[in-house]
PDB file of N, CA and C in Angstrom:
ATOM      1  N   UNK A   1     -23.787 -23.702  66.534  1.00  0.00           N
ATOM      2  CA  UNK A   1     -24.613 -22.526  66.339  1.00  0.00           C
ATOM      3  C   UNK A   1     -24.899 -22.318  64.857  1.00  0.00           C
ATOM      4  N   UNK A   2     -26.086 -21.987  64.572  1.00  0.00           N
ATOM      5  CA  UNK A   2     -26.491 -21.719  63.188  1.00  0.00           C
ATOM      6  C   UNK A   2     -27.105 -20.334  63.115  1.00  0.00           C
ATOM      7  N   UNK A   3     -27.049 -19.778  61.953  1.00  0.00           N
ATOM      8  CA  UNK A   3     -27.716 -18.503  61.731  1.00  0.00           C
ATOM      9  C   UNK A   3     -28.445 -18.577  60.402  1.00  0.00           C
ATOM     10  N   UNK A   4     -29.453 -17.784  60.272  1.00  0.00           N
ATOM     11  CA  UNK A   4     -30.232 -17.747  59.032  1.00  0.00           C
ATOM     12  C   UNK A   4     -29.822 -16.528  58.229  1.00  0.00           C
ATOM     13  N   UNK A   5     -29.815 -16.703  56.937  1.00  0.00           N
ATOM     14  CA  UNK A   5     -29.475 -15.595  56.050  1.00  0.00           C
ATOM     15  C   UNK A   5     -30.772 -14.919  55.602  1.00  0.00           C
ATOM     16  N   UNK A   6     -30.751 -13.608  55.566  1.00  0.00           N
ATOM     17  CA  UNK A   6     -31.933 -12.869  55.125  1.00  0.00           C
ATOM     18  C   UNK A   6     -32.010 -12.919  53.601  1.00  0.00           C
ATOM     19  N   UNK A   7     -33.146 -12.533  53.061  1.00  0.00           N
ATOM     20  CA  UNK A   7     -33.292 -12.521  51.601  1.00  0.00           C
ATOM     21  C   UNK A   7     -32.340 -11.500  50.973  1.00  0.00           C
ATOM     22  N   UNK A   8     -32.098 -10.389  51.665  1.00  0.00           N
ATOM     23  CA  UNK A   8     -31.135  -9.402  51.163  1.00  0.00           C
ATOM     24  C   UNK A   8     -29.729  -9.983  51.173  1.00  0.00           C
ATOM     25  N   UNK A   9     -29.396 -10.696  52.232  1.00  0.00           N
ATOM     26  CA  UNK A   9     -28.084 -11.326  52.315  1.00  0.00           C
ATOM     27  C   UNK A   9     -27.896 -12.379  51.246  1.00  0.00           C
ATOM     28  N   UNK A  10     -28.928 -13.178  51.005  1.00  0.00           N
ATOM     29  CA  UNK A  10     -28.859 -14.210  49.959  1.00  0.00           C
ATOM     30  C   UNK A  10     -28.660 -13.562  48.586  1.00  0.00           C
ATOM     31  N   UNK A  11     -29.403 -12.500  48.313  1.00  0.00           N
ATOM     32  CA  UNK A  11     -29.254 -11.787  47.041  1.00  0.00           C
ATOM     33  C   UNK A  11     -27.829 -11.257  46.902  1.00  0.00           C
ATOM     34  N   UNK A  12     -27.321 -10.670  47.969  1.00  0.00           N
ATOM     35  CA  UNK A  12     -25.963 -10.119  47.947  1.00  0.00           C
ATOM     36  C   UNK A  12     -24.950 -11.217  47.621  1.00  0.00           C
ATOM     37  N   UNK A  13     -25.051 -12.346  48.300  1.00  0.00           N
ATOM     38  CA  UNK A  13     -24.093 -13.427  48.095  1.00  0.00           C
ATOM     39  C   UNK A  13     -24.259 -14.137  46.768  1.00  0.00           C
ATOM     40  N   UNK A  14     -25.493 -14.323  46.332  1.00  0.00           N
ATOM     41  CA  UNK A  14     -25.706 -15.111  45.121  1.00  0.00           C
ATOM     42  C   UNK A  14     -25.658 -14.303  43.831  1.00  0.00           C
ATOM     43  N   UNK A  15     -25.932 -13.014  43.901  1.00  0.00           N
ATOM     44  CA  UNK A  15     -25.978 -12.209  42.676  1.00  0.00           C
ATOM     45  C   UNK A  15     -24.881 -11.147  42.641  1.00  0.00           C
ATOM     46  N   UNK A  16     -24.866 -10.299  43.625  1.00  0.00           N
ATOM     47  CA  UNK A  16     -23.969  -9.141  43.585  1.00  0.00           C
ATOM     48  C   UNK A  16     -22.498  -9.542  43.611  1.00  0.00           C
ATOM     49  N   UNK A  17     -22.144 -10.544  44.425  1.00  0.00           N
ATOM     50  CA  UNK A  17     -20.727 -10.918  44.530  1.00  0.00           C
ATOM     51  C   UNK A  17     -20.185 -11.570  43.259  1.00  0.00           C
ATOM     52  N   UNK A  18     -21.035 -11.797  42.300  1.00  0.00           N
ATOM     53  CA  UNK A  18     -20.578 -12.357  41.032  1.00  0.00           C
ATOM     54  C   UNK A  18     -20.435 -11.317  39.944  1.00  0.00           C
ATOM     55  N   UNK A  19     -20.474 -10.041  40.302  1.00  0.00           N
ATOM     56  CA  UNK A  19     -20.428  -8.999  39.278  1.00  0.00           C
ATOM     57  C   UNK A  19     -19.105  -8.243  39.274  1.00  0.00           C
ATOM     58  N   UNK A  20     -18.728  -7.828  38.118  1.00  0.00           N
ATOM     59  CA  UNK A  20     -17.536  -6.997  37.957  1.00  0.00           C
ATOM     60  C   UNK A  20     -17.665  -5.708  38.760  1.00  0.00           C
ATOM     61  N   UNK A  21     -18.840  -5.096  38.712  1.00  0.00           N
ATOM     62  CA  UNK A  21     -19.056  -3.817  39.381  1.00  0.00           C
ATOM     63  C   UNK A  21     -18.816  -3.920  40.889  1.00  0.00           C
ATOM     64  N   UNK A  22     -19.173  -5.030  41.472  1.00  0.00           N
ATOM     65  CA  UNK A  22     -18.996  -5.242  42.908  1.00  0.00           C
ATOM     66  C   UNK A  22     -17.511  -5.187  43.268  1.00  0.00           C
ATOM     67  N   UNK A  23     -16.699  -5.948  42.562  1.00  0.00           N
ATOM     68  CA  UNK A  23     -15.265  -5.988  42.868  1.00  0.00           C
ATOM     69  C   UNK A  23     -14.574  -4.689  42.475  1.00  0.00           C
ATOM     70  N   UNK A  24     -15.027  -4.092  41.395  1.00  0.00           N
ATOM     71  CA  UNK A  24     -14.449  -2.812  40.976  1.00  0.00           C
ATOM     72  C   UNK A  24     -14.696  -1.755  42.043  1.00  0.00           C
ATOM     73  N   UNK A  25     -15.869  -1.751  42.631  1.00  0.00           N
ATOM     74  CA  UNK A  25     -16.190  -0.786  43.686  1.00  0.00           C
ATOM     75  C   UNK A  25     -15.469  -1.110  45.001  1.00  0.00           C
ATOM     76  N   UNK A  26     -15.261  -2.383  45.281  1.00  0.00           N
ATOM     77  CA  UNK A  26     -14.582  -2.790  46.518  1.00  0.00           C
ATOM     78  C   UNK A  26     -13.128  -2.314  46.582  1.00  0.00           C
ATOM     79  N   UNK A  27     -12.505  -2.138  45.437  1.00  0.00           N
ATOM     80  CA  UNK A  27     -11.094  -1.730  45.397  1.00  0.00           C
ATOM     81  C   UNK A  27     -10.882  -0.458  46.203  1.00  0.00           C
ATOM     82  N   UNK A  28     -11.820   0.455  46.108  1.00  0.00           N
ATOM     83  CA  UNK A  28     -11.688   1.758  46.749  1.00  0.00           C
ATOM     84  C   UNK A  28     -11.590   1.652  48.272  1.00  0.00           C
ATOM     85  N   UNK A  29     -12.348   0.740  48.871  1.00  0.00           N
ATOM     86  CA  UNK A  29     -12.450   0.669  50.331  1.00  0.00           C
ATOM     87  C   UNK A  29     -11.686  -0.493  50.965  1.00  0.00           C
ATOM     88  N   UNK A  30     -10.961  -1.259  50.185  1.00  0.00           N
ATOM     89  CA  UNK A  30     -10.246  -2.411  50.730  1.00  0.00           C
ATOM     90  C   UNK A  30      -8.769  -2.075  50.909  1.00  0.00           C
ATOM     91  N   UNK A  31      -8.264  -2.204  52.127  1.00  0.00           N
ATOM     92  CA  UNK A  31      -6.839  -1.957  52.334  1.00  0.00           C
ATOM     93  C   UNK A  31      -6.022  -3.051  51.634  1.00  0.00           C
ATOM     94  N   UNK A  32      -5.083  -2.650  50.827  1.00  0.00           N
ATOM     95  CA  UNK A  32      -4.213  -3.596  50.129  1.00  0.00           C
ATOM     96  C   UNK A  32      -2.841  -3.495  50.778  1.00  0.00           C
ATOM     97  N   UNK A  33      -2.435  -4.567  51.447  1.00  0.00           N
ATOM     98  CA  UNK A  33      -1.218  -4.549  52.244  1.00  0.00           C
ATOM     99  C   UNK A  33       0.037  -4.869  51.441  1.00  0.00           C
ATOM    100  N   UNK A  34      -0.125  -5.519  50.304  1.00  0.00           N
ATOM    101  CA  UNK A  34       1.014  -5.836  49.441  1.00  0.00           C
ATOM    102  C   UNK A  34       1.320  -4.608  48.583  1.00  0.00           C
ATOM    103  N   UNK A  35       2.482  -3.996  48.810  1.00  0.00           N
ATOM    104  CA  UNK A  35       2.804  -2.735  48.123  1.00  0.00           C
ATOM    105  C   UNK A  35       2.900  -2.908  46.611  1.00  0.00           C
ATOM    106  N   UNK A  36       3.367  -4.053  46.143  1.00  0.00           N
ATOM    107  CA  UNK A  36       3.457  -4.281  44.696  1.00  0.00           C
ATOM    108  C   UNK A  36       2.067  -4.311  44.067  1.00  0.00           C
ATOM    109  N   UNK A  37       1.149  -5.012  44.710  1.00  0.00           N
ATOM    110  CA  UNK A  37      -0.232  -5.070  44.215  1.00  0.00           C
ATOM    111  C   UNK A  37      -0.869  -3.690  44.315  1.00  0.00           C
ATOM    112  N   UNK A  38      -0.678  -3.036  45.459  1.00  0.00           N
ATOM    113  CA  UNK A  38      -1.257  -1.705  45.677  1.00  0.00           C
ATOM    114  C   UNK A  38      -0.813  -0.720  44.595  1.00  0.00           C
ATOM    115  N   UNK A  39       0.462  -0.754  44.238  1.00  0.00           N
ATOM    116  CA  UNK A  39       0.988   0.162  43.222  1.00  0.00           C
ATOM    117  C   UNK A  39       0.511  -0.175  41.811  1.00  0.00           C
ATOM    118  N   UNK A  40       0.092  -1.425  41.605  1.00  0.00           N
ATOM    119  CA  UNK A  40      -0.351  -1.822  40.264  1.00  0.00           C
ATOM    120  C   UNK A  40      -1.850  -1.595  40.049  1.00  0.00           C
ATOM    121  N   UNK A  41      -2.557  -1.265  41.119  1.00  0.00           N
ATOM    122  CA  UNK A  41      -4.004  -1.038  41.029  1.00  0.00           C
ATOM    123  C   UNK A  41      -4.263   0.459  41.150  1.00  0.00           C
ATOM    124  N   UNK A  42      -4.445   1.085  40.020  1.00  0.00           N
ATOM    125  CA  UNK A  42      -4.655   2.538  39.976  1.00  0.00           C
ATOM    126  C   UNK A  42      -6.056   2.854  39.454  1.00  0.00           C
ATOM    127  N   UNK A  43      -6.590   3.971  39.908  1.00  0.00           N
ATOM    128  CA  UNK A  43      -7.887   4.445  39.417  1.00  0.00           C
ATOM    129  C   UNK A  43      -7.758   4.762  37.934  1.00  0.00           C
ATOM    130  N   UNK A  44      -8.722   4.306  37.157  1.00  0.00           N
ATOM    131  CA  UNK A  44      -8.676   4.511  35.715  1.00  0.00           C
ATOM    132  C   UNK A  44     -10.089   4.446  35.166  1.00  0.00           C
ATOM    133  N   UNK A  45     -10.411   5.299  34.232  1.00  0.00           N
ATOM    134  CA  UNK A  45     -11.730   5.306  33.621  1.00  0.00           C
ATOM    135  C   UNK A  45     -11.870   4.355  32.447  1.00  0.00           C
ATOM    136  N   UNK A  46     -10.738   3.893  31.909  1.00  0.00           N
ATOM    137  CA  UNK A  46     -10.754   2.993  30.760  1.00  0.00           C
ATOM    138  C   UNK A  46     -11.244   1.613  31.198  1.00  0.00           C
ATOM    139  N   UNK A  47     -12.264   1.095  30.534  1.00  0.00           N
ATOM    140  CA  UNK A  47     -12.877  -0.164  30.959  1.00  0.00           C
ATOM    141  C   UNK A  47     -11.905  -1.339  30.883  1.00  0.00           C
ATOM    142  N   UNK A  48     -11.054  -1.379  29.872  1.00  0.00           N
ATOM    143  CA  UNK A  48     -10.112  -2.491  29.761  1.00  0.00           C
ATOM    144  C   UNK A  48      -9.104  -2.485  30.913  1.00  0.00           C
ATOM    145  N   UNK A  49      -8.624  -1.321  31.286  1.00  0.00           N
ATOM    146  CA  UNK A  49      -7.693  -1.232  32.418  1.00  0.00           C
ATOM    147  C   UNK A  49      -8.411  -1.486  33.743  1.00  0.00           C
ATOM    148  N   UNK A  50      -9.681  -1.100  33.825  1.00  0.00           N
ATOM    149  CA  UNK A  50     -10.463  -1.403  35.034  1.00  0.00           C
ATOM    150  C   UNK A  50     -10.673  -2.907  35.170  1.00  0.00           C
ATOM    151  N   UNK A  51     -10.918  -3.591  34.073  1.00  0.00           N
ATOM    152  CA  UNK A  51     -11.058  -5.047  34.112  1.00  0.00           C
ATOM    153  C   UNK A  51      -9.753  -5.701  34.573  1.00  0.00           C
ATOM    154  N   UNK A  52      -8.629  -5.203  34.055  1.00  0.00           N
ATOM    155  CA  UNK A  52      -7.326  -5.756  34.454  1.00  0.00           C
ATOM    156  C   UNK A  52      -7.052  -5.528  35.936  1.00  0.00           C
ATOM    157  N   UNK A  53      -7.309  -4.324  36.415  1.00  0.00           N
ATOM    158  CA  UNK A  53      -7.026  -4.035  37.831  1.00  0.00           C
ATOM    159  C   UNK A  53      -7.961  -4.829  38.735  1.00  0.00           C
ATOM    160  N   UNK A  54      -9.186  -5.040  38.294  1.00  0.00           N
ATOM    161  CA  UNK A  54     -10.124  -5.811  39.097  1.00  0.00           C
ATOM    162  C   UNK A  54      -9.718  -7.275  39.144  1.00  0.00           C
ATOM    163  N   UNK A  55      -9.199  -7.802  38.047  1.00  0.00           N
ATOM    164  CA  UNK A  55      -8.666  -9.171  38.052  1.00  0.00           C
ATOM    165  C   UNK A  55      -7.507  -9.290  39.033  1.00  0.00           C
ATOM    166  N   UNK A  56      -6.617  -8.307  39.041  1.00  0.00           N
ATOM    167  CA  UNK A  56      -5.498  -8.308  39.993  1.00  0.00           C
ATOM    168  C   UNK A  56      -6.009  -8.256  41.421  1.00  0.00           C
ATOM    169  N   UNK A  57      -7.036  -7.464  41.649  1.00  0.00           N
ATOM    170  CA  UNK A  57      -7.608  -7.321  42.978  1.00  0.00           C
ATOM    171  C   UNK A  57      -8.208  -8.643  43.471  1.00  0.00           C
ATOM    172  N   UNK A  58      -8.974  -9.306  42.633  1.00  0.00           N
ATOM    173  CA  UNK A  58      -9.590 -10.572  43.025  1.00  0.00           C
ATOM    174  C   UNK A  58      -8.504 -11.624  43.266  1.00  0.00           C
ATOM    175  N   UNK A  59      -7.476 -11.631  42.439  1.00  0.00           N
ATOM    176  CA  UNK A  59      -6.352 -12.549  42.645  1.00  0.00           C
ATOM    177  C   UNK A  59      -5.687 -12.271  43.989  1.00  0.00           C
ATOM    178  N   UNK A  60      -5.521 -11.004  44.332  1.00  0.00           N
ATOM    179  CA  UNK A  60      -4.956 -10.618  45.624  1.00  0.00           C
ATOM    180  C   UNK A  60      -5.822 -11.137  46.770  1.00  0.00           C
ATOM    181  N   UNK A  61      -7.140 -10.981  46.653  1.00  0.00           N
ATOM    182  CA  UNK A  61      -8.042 -11.469  47.695  1.00  0.00           C
ATOM    183  C   UNK A  61      -7.931 -12.988  47.848  1.00  0.00           C
ATOM    184  N   UNK A  62      -7.817 -13.698  46.736  1.00  0.00           N
ATOM    185  CA  UNK A  62      -7.649 -15.149  46.795  1.00  0.00           C
ATOM    186  C   UNK A  62      -6.358 -15.523  47.520  1.00  0.00           C
ATOM    187  N   UNK A  63      -5.293 -14.772  47.257  1.00  0.00           N
ATOM    188  CA  UNK A  63      -4.016 -15.034  47.929  1.00  0.00           C
ATOM    189  C   UNK A  63      -4.117 -14.751  49.429  1.00  0.00           C
ATOM    190  N   UNK A  64      -4.896 -13.746  49.802  1.00  0.00           N
ATOM    191  CA  UNK A  64      -5.074 -13.412  51.219  1.00  0.00           C
ATOM    192  C   UNK A  64      -5.790 -14.519  51.986  1.00  0.00           C
ATOM    193  N   UNK A  65      -6.558 -15.323  51.300  1.00  0.00           N
ATOM    194  CA  UNK A  65      -7.301 -16.389  51.960  1.00  0.00           C
ATOM    195  C   UNK A  65      -6.411 -17.483  52.528  1.00  0.00           C
ATOM    196  N   UNK A  66      -5.167 -17.555  52.098  1.00  0.00           N
ATOM    197  CA  UNK A  66      -4.293 -18.636  52.550  1.00  0.00           C
ATOM    198  C   UNK A  66      -4.130 -18.653  54.068  1.00  0.00           C
ATOM    199  N   UNK A  67      -4.281 -17.516  54.717  1.00  0.00           N
ATOM    200  CA  UNK A  67      -4.111 -17.451  56.165  1.00  0.00           C
ATOM    201  C   UNK A  67      -5.411 -17.675  56.941  1.00  0.00           C
ATOM    202  N   UNK A  68      -6.508 -17.868  56.241  1.00  0.00           N
ATOM    203  CA  UNK A  68      -7.791 -18.086  56.921  1.00  0.00           C
ATOM    204  C   UNK A  68      -7.856 -19.511  57.479  1.00  0.00           C
ATOM    205  N   UNK A  69      -8.112 -19.643  58.767  1.00  0.00           N
ATOM    206  CA  UNK A  69      -8.093 -20.952  59.428  1.00  0.00           C
ATOM    207  C   UNK A  69      -9.375 -21.752  59.196  1.00  0.00           C
ATOM    208  N   UNK A  70     -10.508 -21.098  59.114  1.00  0.00           N
ATOM    209  CA  UNK A  70     -11.787 -21.784  58.951  1.00  0.00           C
ATOM    210  C   UNK A  70     -11.907 -22.306  57.521  1.00  0.00           C
ATOM    211  N   UNK A  71     -11.770 -23.611  57.366  1.00  0.00           N
ATOM    212  CA  UNK A  71     -11.754 -24.206  56.022  1.00  0.00           C
ATOM    213  C   UNK A  71     -13.098 -24.093  55.303  1.00  0.00           C
ATOM    214  N   UNK A  72     -14.199 -24.201  56.041  1.00  0.00           N
ATOM    215  CA  UNK A  72     -15.516 -24.063  55.409  1.00  0.00           C
ATOM    216  C   UNK A  72     -15.717 -22.641  54.898  1.00  0.00           C
ATOM    217  N   UNK A  73     -15.373 -21.671  55.731  1.00  0.00           N
ATOM    218  CA  UNK A  73     -15.477 -20.271  55.326  1.00  0.00           C
ATOM    219  C   UNK A  73     -14.563 -19.964  54.160  1.00  0.00           C
ATOM    220  N   UNK A  74     -13.359 -20.520  54.224  1.00  0.00           N
ATOM    221  CA  UNK A  74     -12.378 -20.312  53.153  1.00  0.00           C
ATOM    222  C   UNK A  74     -12.913 -20.839  51.822  1.00  0.00           C
ATOM    223  N   UNK A  75     -13.474 -22.037  51.846  1.00  0.00           N
ATOM    224  CA  UNK A  75     -14.009 -22.639  50.619  1.00  0.00           C
ATOM    225  C   UNK A  75     -15.158 -21.806  50.061  1.00  0.00           C
ATOM    226  N   UNK A  76     -15.999 -21.298  50.950  1.00  0.00           N
ATOM    227  CA  UNK A  76     -17.134 -20.490  50.502  1.00  0.00           C
ATOM    228  C   UNK A  76     -16.664 -19.182  49.874  1.00  0.00           C
ATOM    229  N   UNK A  77     -15.727 -18.525  50.512  1.00  0.00           N
ATOM    230  CA  UNK A  77     -15.201 -17.267  49.971  1.00  0.00           C
ATOM    231  C   UNK A  77     -14.486 -17.513  48.650  1.00  0.00           C
ATOM    232  N   UNK A  78     -13.708 -18.589  48.572  1.00  0.00           N
ATOM    233  CA  UNK A  78     -13.027 -18.925  47.316  1.00  0.00           C
ATOM    234  C   UNK A  78     -14.030 -19.110  46.187  1.00  0.00           C
ATOM    235  N   UNK A  79     -15.154 -19.749  46.479  1.00  0.00           N
ATOM    236  CA  UNK A  79     -16.175 -19.960  45.453  1.00  0.00           C
ATOM    237  C   UNK A  79     -16.746 -18.630  44.969  1.00  0.00           C
ATOM    238  N   UNK A  80     -17.034 -17.715  45.894  1.00  0.00           N
ATOM    239  CA  UNK A  80     -17.560 -16.405  45.496  1.00  0.00           C
ATOM    240  C   UNK A  80     -16.530 -15.629  44.675  1.00  0.00           C
ATOM    241  N   UNK A  81     -15.281 -15.654  45.121  1.00  0.00           N
ATOM    242  CA  UNK A  81     -14.240 -14.931  44.390  1.00  0.00           C
ATOM    243  C   UNK A  81     -14.006 -15.548  43.016  1.00  0.00           C
ATOM    244  N   UNK A  82     -14.023 -16.863  42.939  1.00  0.00           N
ATOM    245  CA  UNK A  82     -13.836 -17.534  41.649  1.00  0.00           C
ATOM    246  C   UNK A  82     -14.967 -17.167  40.693  1.00  0.00           C
ATOM    247  N   UNK A  83     -16.189 -17.105  41.210  1.00  0.00           N
ATOM    248  CA  UNK A  83     -17.325 -16.708  40.383  1.00  0.00           C
ATOM    249  C   UNK A  83     -17.141 -15.282  39.867  1.00  0.00           C
ATOM    250  N   UNK A  84     -16.737 -14.381  40.743  1.00  0.00           N
ATOM    251  CA  UNK A  84     -16.495 -13.000  40.322  1.00  0.00           C
ATOM    252  C   UNK A  84     -15.372 -12.916  39.304  1.00  0.00           C
ATOM    253  N   UNK A  85     -14.291 -13.657  39.551  1.00  0.00           N
ATOM    254  CA  UNK A  85     -13.158 -13.658  38.625  1.00  0.00           C
ATOM    255  C   UNK A  85     -13.588 -14.180  37.254  1.00  0.00           C
ATOM    256  N   UNK A  86     -14.382 -15.244  37.251  1.00  0.00           N
ATOM    257  CA  UNK A  86     -14.868 -15.802  35.984  1.00  0.00           C
ATOM    258  C   UNK A  86     -15.723 -14.810  35.219  1.00  0.00           C
ATOM    259  N   UNK A  87     -16.567 -14.072  35.919  1.00  0.00           N
ATOM    260  CA  UNK A  87     -17.400 -13.061  35.259  1.00  0.00           C
ATOM    261  C   UNK A  87     -16.534 -11.973  34.623  1.00  0.00           C
ATOM    262  N   UNK A  88     -15.495 -11.570  35.329  1.00  0.00           N
ATOM    263  CA  UNK A  88     -14.574 -10.561  34.789  1.00  0.00           C
ATOM    264  C   UNK A  88     -13.924 -11.088  33.515  1.00  0.00           C
ATOM    265  N   UNK A  89     -13.497 -12.352  33.534  1.00  0.00           N
ATOM    266  CA  UNK A  89     -12.862 -12.948  32.360  1.00  0.00           C
ATOM    267  C   UNK A  89     -13.840 -13.058  31.191  1.00  0.00           C
ATOM    268  N   UNK A  90     -15.113 -13.336  31.466  1.00  0.00           N
ATOM    269  CA  UNK A  90     -16.132 -13.379  30.420  1.00  0.00           C
ATOM    270  C   UNK A  90     -16.282 -12.005  29.779  1.00  0.00           C
ATOM    271  N   UNK A  91     -16.351 -10.989  30.592  1.00  0.00           N
ATOM    272  CA  UNK A  91     -16.469  -9.614  30.064  1.00  0.00           C
ATOM    273  C   UNK A  91     -15.254  -9.284  29.206  1.00  0.00           C
ATOM    274  N   UNK A  92     -14.061  -9.640  29.661  1.00  0.00           N
ATOM    275  CA  UNK A  92     -12.848  -9.388  28.881  1.00  0.00           C
ATOM    276  C   UNK A  92     -12.918 -10.080  27.529  1.00  0.00           C
ATOM    277  N   UNK A  93     -13.349 -11.345  27.530  1.00  0.00           N
ATOM    278  CA  UNK A  93     -13.399 -12.091  26.271  1.00  0.00           C
ATOM    279  C   UNK A  93     -14.471 -11.533  25.329  1.00  0.00           C
ATOM    280  N   UNK A  94     -15.575 -11.055  25.878  1.00  0.00           N
ATOM    281  CA  UNK A  94     -16.631 -10.465  25.054  1.00  0.00           C
ATOM    282  C   UNK A  94     -16.185  -9.159  24.420  1.00  0.00           C
ATOM    283  N   UNK A  95     -15.271  -8.463  25.090  1.00  0.00           N
ATOM    284  CA  UNK A  95     -14.771  -7.194  24.555  1.00  0.00           C
ATOM    285  C   UNK A  95     -13.754  -7.430  23.449  1.00  0.00           C
ATOM    286  N   UNK A  96     -13.233  -8.655  23.384  1.00  0.00           N
ATOM    287  CA  UNK A  96     -12.301  -9.042  22.337  1.00  0.00           C
ATOM    288  C   UNK A  96     -10.997  -8.408  22.456  1.00  0.00           C
TER     289      UNK A  96
END
């Protein structure tokens, strides 16, 4: 079975999922089951601390992928998360 992606879906996957703002906003609505990670990710207005918490969040999502059985889906999600993580690291380095 195949499905086609809409232009909105393609934009979402190719552009939005690579942004810091996307992952920063996802933190609010994503259940975090690891209590240590959950306690380390706090709401904060400071951009440097937001970058750090978002990096922790993306790392957590990558760790959650270990239980995903579909290898093709897993590889695709890992690529999107890696792209988002890299963008966060670029922003951190630009801030010096």
